């Protein structure tokens, strides 16, 4: 897997680690093609869905949150 700091800034990674430690990552499904599907709670009753493609050179994650691409929710699923 490529280094996470290539795809997420330090603030995003810090928030993602917080989401992981607080148990906000609710579901992760690894597909045979290397794709990850995730579900992450924002801690206030709303959940967002992630679709993440990972290979040796890139992490490309889409999320249903307002940010939409390689956000803290995507980083939390990858972590």
N, C-alpha and C. Protein backbone atom coordinates (compact mmCIF):
# COMPACT_ATOMS: atom_id res chain seq x y z
N UNK A 1 0.85 -1.18 0.00
CA UNK A 1 0.00 0.00 0.00
C UNK A 1 0.89 1.24 0.00
N UNK A 2 0.50 2.25 -0.76
CA UNK A 2 1.29 3.48 -0.78
C UNK A 2 1.21 4.21 0.56
N UNK A 3 2.17 5.09 0.85
CA UNK A 3 2.14 5.85 2.11
C UNK A 3 0.89 6.72 2.21
N UNK A 4 0.25 6.68 3.37
CA UNK A 4 -1.00 7.42 3.55
C UNK A 4 -0.81 8.93 3.44
N UNK A 5 0.34 9.45 3.86
CA UNK A 5 0.53 10.91 3.81
C UNK A 5 0.68 11.44 2.39
N UNK A 6 0.74 10.55 1.42
CA UNK A 6 0.74 10.97 0.03
C UNK A 6 -0.68 11.33 -0.43
N UNK A 7 -1.69 10.79 0.25
CA UNK A 7 -3.08 10.97 -0.17
C UNK A 7 -3.94 11.75 0.82
N UNK A 8 -3.47 11.86 2.06
CA UNK A 8 -4.23 12.56 3.11
C UNK A 8 -3.30 13.50 3.85
N UNK A 9 -3.75 14.72 4.12
CA UNK A 9 -2.91 15.63 4.89
C UNK A 9 -2.92 15.22 6.37
N UNK A 10 -2.04 15.80 7.15
CA UNK A 10 -1.87 15.39 8.54
C UNK A 10 -3.12 15.61 9.38
N UNK A 11 -3.86 16.69 9.13
CA UNK A 11 -5.10 16.95 9.88
C UNK A 11 -6.15 15.88 9.58
N UNK A 12 -6.26 15.49 8.31
CA UNK A 12 -7.21 14.45 7.93
C UNK A 12 -6.85 13.13 8.58
N UNK A 13 -5.57 12.78 8.58
CA UNK A 13 -5.13 11.53 9.22
C UNK A 13 -5.37 11.56 10.73
N UNK A 14 -5.15 12.72 11.35
CA UNK A 14 -5.38 12.83 12.79
C UNK A 14 -6.86 12.63 13.11
N UNK A 15 -7.75 13.25 12.33
CA UNK A 15 -9.19 13.06 12.54
C UNK A 15 -9.60 11.62 12.27
N UNK A 16 -9.01 11.01 11.24
CA UNK A 16 -9.32 9.61 10.92
C UNK A 16 -8.92 8.69 12.07
N UNK A 17 -7.76 8.92 12.65
CA UNK A 17 -7.31 8.10 13.79
C UNK A 17 -8.28 8.25 14.97
N UNK A 18 -8.77 9.46 15.16
CA UNK A 18 -9.75 9.71 16.22
C UNK A 18 -11.05 8.94 15.95
N UNK A 19 -11.49 8.95 14.71
CA UNK A 19 -12.70 8.19 14.34
C UNK A 19 -12.51 6.70 14.61
N UNK A 20 -11.34 6.18 14.27
CA UNK A 20 -11.05 4.76 14.51
C UNK A 20 -11.06 4.48 16.00
N UNK A 21 -10.36 5.29 16.78
CA UNK A 21 -10.25 5.03 18.22
C UNK A 21 -11.59 5.17 18.95
N UNK A 22 -12.49 5.99 18.43
CA UNK A 22 -13.81 6.17 19.04
C UNK A 22 -14.83 5.15 18.54
N UNK A 23 -14.42 4.26 17.64
CA UNK A 23 -15.31 3.22 17.15
C UNK A 23 -16.32 3.68 16.11
N UNK A 24 -16.02 4.77 15.40
CA UNK A 24 -16.96 5.29 14.41
C UNK A 24 -16.93 4.52 13.08
N UNK A 25 -15.91 3.69 12.87
CA UNK A 25 -15.88 2.84 11.67
C UNK A 25 -16.81 1.67 11.94
N UNK A 26 -17.93 1.63 11.24
CA UNK A 26 -18.99 0.66 11.53
C UNK A 26 -18.94 -0.58 10.66
N UNK A 27 -18.41 -0.47 9.46
CA UNK A 27 -18.42 -1.62 8.56
C UNK A 27 -17.31 -1.46 7.53
N UNK A 28 -16.60 -2.55 7.28
CA UNK A 28 -15.60 -2.60 6.21
C UNK A 28 -15.78 -3.92 5.49
N UNK A 29 -15.91 -3.84 4.18
CA UNK A 29 -16.01 -5.04 3.36
C UNK A 29 -14.92 -4.99 2.30
N UNK A 30 -14.09 -6.02 2.30
CA UNK A 30 -13.03 -6.09 1.29
C UNK A 30 -13.52 -6.95 0.14
N UNK A 31 -13.51 -6.39 -1.04
CA UNK A 31 -13.94 -7.10 -2.24
C UNK A 31 -12.75 -7.82 -2.87
N UNK A 32 -12.99 -8.89 -3.64
CA UNK A 32 -11.90 -9.65 -4.25
C UNK A 32 -11.01 -8.82 -5.19
N UNK A 33 -11.55 -7.76 -5.77
CA UNK A 33 -10.77 -6.93 -6.70
C UNK A 33 -9.91 -5.89 -5.98
N UNK A 34 -9.82 -5.98 -4.64
CA UNK A 34 -9.01 -5.04 -3.87
C UNK A 34 -9.75 -3.80 -3.43
N UNK A 35 -11.01 -3.68 -3.82
CA UNK A 35 -11.80 -2.53 -3.44
C UNK A 35 -12.32 -2.71 -2.00
N UNK A 36 -12.38 -1.60 -1.27
CA UNK A 36 -12.96 -1.61 0.07
C UNK A 36 -14.27 -0.83 0.05
N UNK A 37 -15.27 -1.33 0.74
CA UNK A 37 -16.51 -0.60 0.97
C UNK A 37 -16.59 -0.36 2.46
N UNK A 38 -16.93 0.85 2.86
CA UNK A 38 -16.98 1.17 4.28
C UNK A 38 -18.21 1.95 4.66
N UNK A 39 -18.44 1.98 5.97
CA UNK A 39 -19.50 2.79 6.55
C UNK A 39 -18.93 3.40 7.83
N UNK A 40 -18.96 4.72 7.92
CA UNK A 40 -18.38 5.44 9.06
C UNK A 40 -19.41 6.42 9.60
N UNK A 41 -19.58 6.40 10.91
CA UNK A 41 -20.48 7.34 11.58
C UNK A 41 -19.74 8.64 11.86
N UNK A 42 -20.47 9.75 11.82
CA UNK A 42 -19.84 11.02 12.17
C UNK A 42 -19.89 11.29 13.67
N UNK A 43 -20.46 10.37 14.43
CA UNK A 43 -20.55 10.52 15.88
C UNK A 43 -21.75 11.33 16.33
N UNK A 44 -22.54 11.82 15.38
CA UNK A 44 -23.73 12.63 15.71
C UNK A 44 -24.99 12.06 15.05
N UNK A 45 -24.96 10.74 14.78
CA UNK A 45 -26.14 10.09 14.25
C UNK A 45 -26.21 9.92 12.74
N UNK A 46 -25.25 10.45 12.01
CA UNK A 46 -25.25 10.30 10.56
C UNK A 46 -24.10 9.38 10.15
N UNK A 47 -24.35 8.54 9.15
CA UNK A 47 -23.31 7.66 8.63
C UNK A 47 -23.06 7.98 7.17
N UNK A 48 -21.81 7.77 6.75
CA UNK A 48 -21.41 7.98 5.37
C UNK A 48 -20.85 6.68 4.82
N UNK A 49 -20.98 6.50 3.51
CA UNK A 49 -20.50 5.29 2.83
C UNK A 49 -19.28 5.64 1.98
N UNK A 50 -18.33 4.70 1.97
CA UNK A 50 -17.08 4.89 1.24
C UNK A 50 -16.88 3.76 0.23
N UNK A 51 -16.32 4.10 -0.90
CA UNK A 51 -15.86 3.15 -1.91
C UNK A 51 -14.42 3.51 -2.20
N UNK A 52 -13.51 2.58 -1.92
CA UNK A 52 -12.08 2.88 -1.97
C UNK A 52 -11.36 1.88 -2.86
N UNK A 53 -10.58 2.40 -3.79
CA UNK A 53 -9.74 1.58 -4.66
C UNK A 53 -8.29 1.77 -4.21
N UNK A 54 -7.61 0.66 -3.92
CA UNK A 54 -6.22 0.71 -3.47
C UNK A 54 -5.40 -0.23 -4.34
N UNK A 55 -4.28 0.26 -4.82
CA UNK A 55 -3.31 -0.62 -5.46
C UNK A 55 -1.92 -0.19 -5.00
N UNK A 56 -0.89 -0.68 -5.62
CA UNK A 56 0.48 -0.41 -5.18
C UNK A 56 0.88 1.05 -5.31
N UNK A 57 0.17 1.81 -6.12
CA UNK A 57 0.59 3.19 -6.40
C UNK A 57 -0.41 4.25 -5.98
N UNK A 58 -1.63 3.88 -5.58
CA UNK A 58 -2.61 4.94 -5.31
C UNK A 58 -3.69 4.48 -4.34
N UNK A 59 -4.29 5.45 -3.71
CA UNK A 59 -5.50 5.28 -2.90
C UNK A 59 -6.50 6.28 -3.44
N UNK A 60 -7.62 5.79 -3.91
CA UNK A 60 -8.65 6.65 -4.48
C UNK A 60 -9.96 6.32 -3.77
N UNK A 61 -10.39 7.21 -2.88
CA UNK A 61 -11.57 6.93 -2.08
C UNK A 61 -12.67 7.97 -2.24
N UNK A 62 -13.86 7.47 -2.47
CA UNK A 62 -15.04 8.32 -2.61
C UNK A 62 -15.95 8.11 -1.41
N UNK A 63 -16.57 9.19 -0.95
CA UNK A 63 -17.40 9.15 0.24
C UNK A 63 -18.69 9.92 -0.01
N UNK A 64 -19.75 9.53 0.68
CA UNK A 64 -21.03 10.23 0.54
C UNK A 64 -21.10 11.51 1.36
N UNK A 65 -20.03 11.85 2.09
CA UNK A 65 -20.01 13.10 2.87
C UNK A 65 -19.82 14.29 1.94
N UNK A 66 -19.97 15.51 2.45
CA UNK A 66 -19.81 16.70 1.60
C UNK A 66 -18.42 16.85 0.97
N UNK A 67 -17.38 16.37 1.61
CA UNK A 67 -16.03 16.47 1.03
C UNK A 67 -15.93 15.58 -0.22
N UNK A 68 -16.40 14.36 -0.11
CA UNK A 68 -16.55 13.50 -1.26
C UNK A 68 -15.36 12.67 -1.71
N UNK A 69 -14.12 13.16 -1.57
CA UNK A 69 -12.96 12.43 -2.08
C UNK A 69 -11.83 12.44 -1.06
N UNK A 70 -11.29 11.26 -0.77
CA UNK A 70 -10.16 11.08 0.15
C UNK A 70 -10.28 11.93 1.42
N UNK A 71 -11.43 11.83 2.05
CA UNK A 71 -11.75 12.57 3.27
C UNK A 71 -11.33 11.77 4.51
N UNK A 72 -11.63 12.30 5.69
CA UNK A 72 -11.28 11.62 6.94
C UNK A 72 -12.00 10.28 7.08
N UNK A 73 -13.21 10.16 6.50
CA UNK A 73 -13.94 8.89 6.57
C UNK A 73 -13.24 7.82 5.75
N UNK A 74 -12.78 8.19 4.56
CA UNK A 74 -12.02 7.27 3.71
C UNK A 74 -10.74 6.87 4.44
N UNK A 75 -10.02 7.81 5.00
CA UNK A 75 -8.78 7.52 5.71
C UNK A 75 -9.03 6.59 6.90
N UNK A 76 -10.15 6.78 7.61
CA UNK A 76 -10.47 5.91 8.76
C UNK A 76 -10.69 4.46 8.32
N UNK A 77 -11.35 4.27 7.18
CA UNK A 77 -11.55 2.91 6.68
C UNK A 77 -10.21 2.30 6.28
N UNK A 78 -9.36 3.06 5.62
CA UNK A 78 -8.05 2.56 5.20
C UNK A 78 -7.20 2.19 6.42
N UNK A 79 -7.26 3.01 7.46
CA UNK A 79 -6.48 2.72 8.68
C UNK A 79 -6.93 1.43 9.31
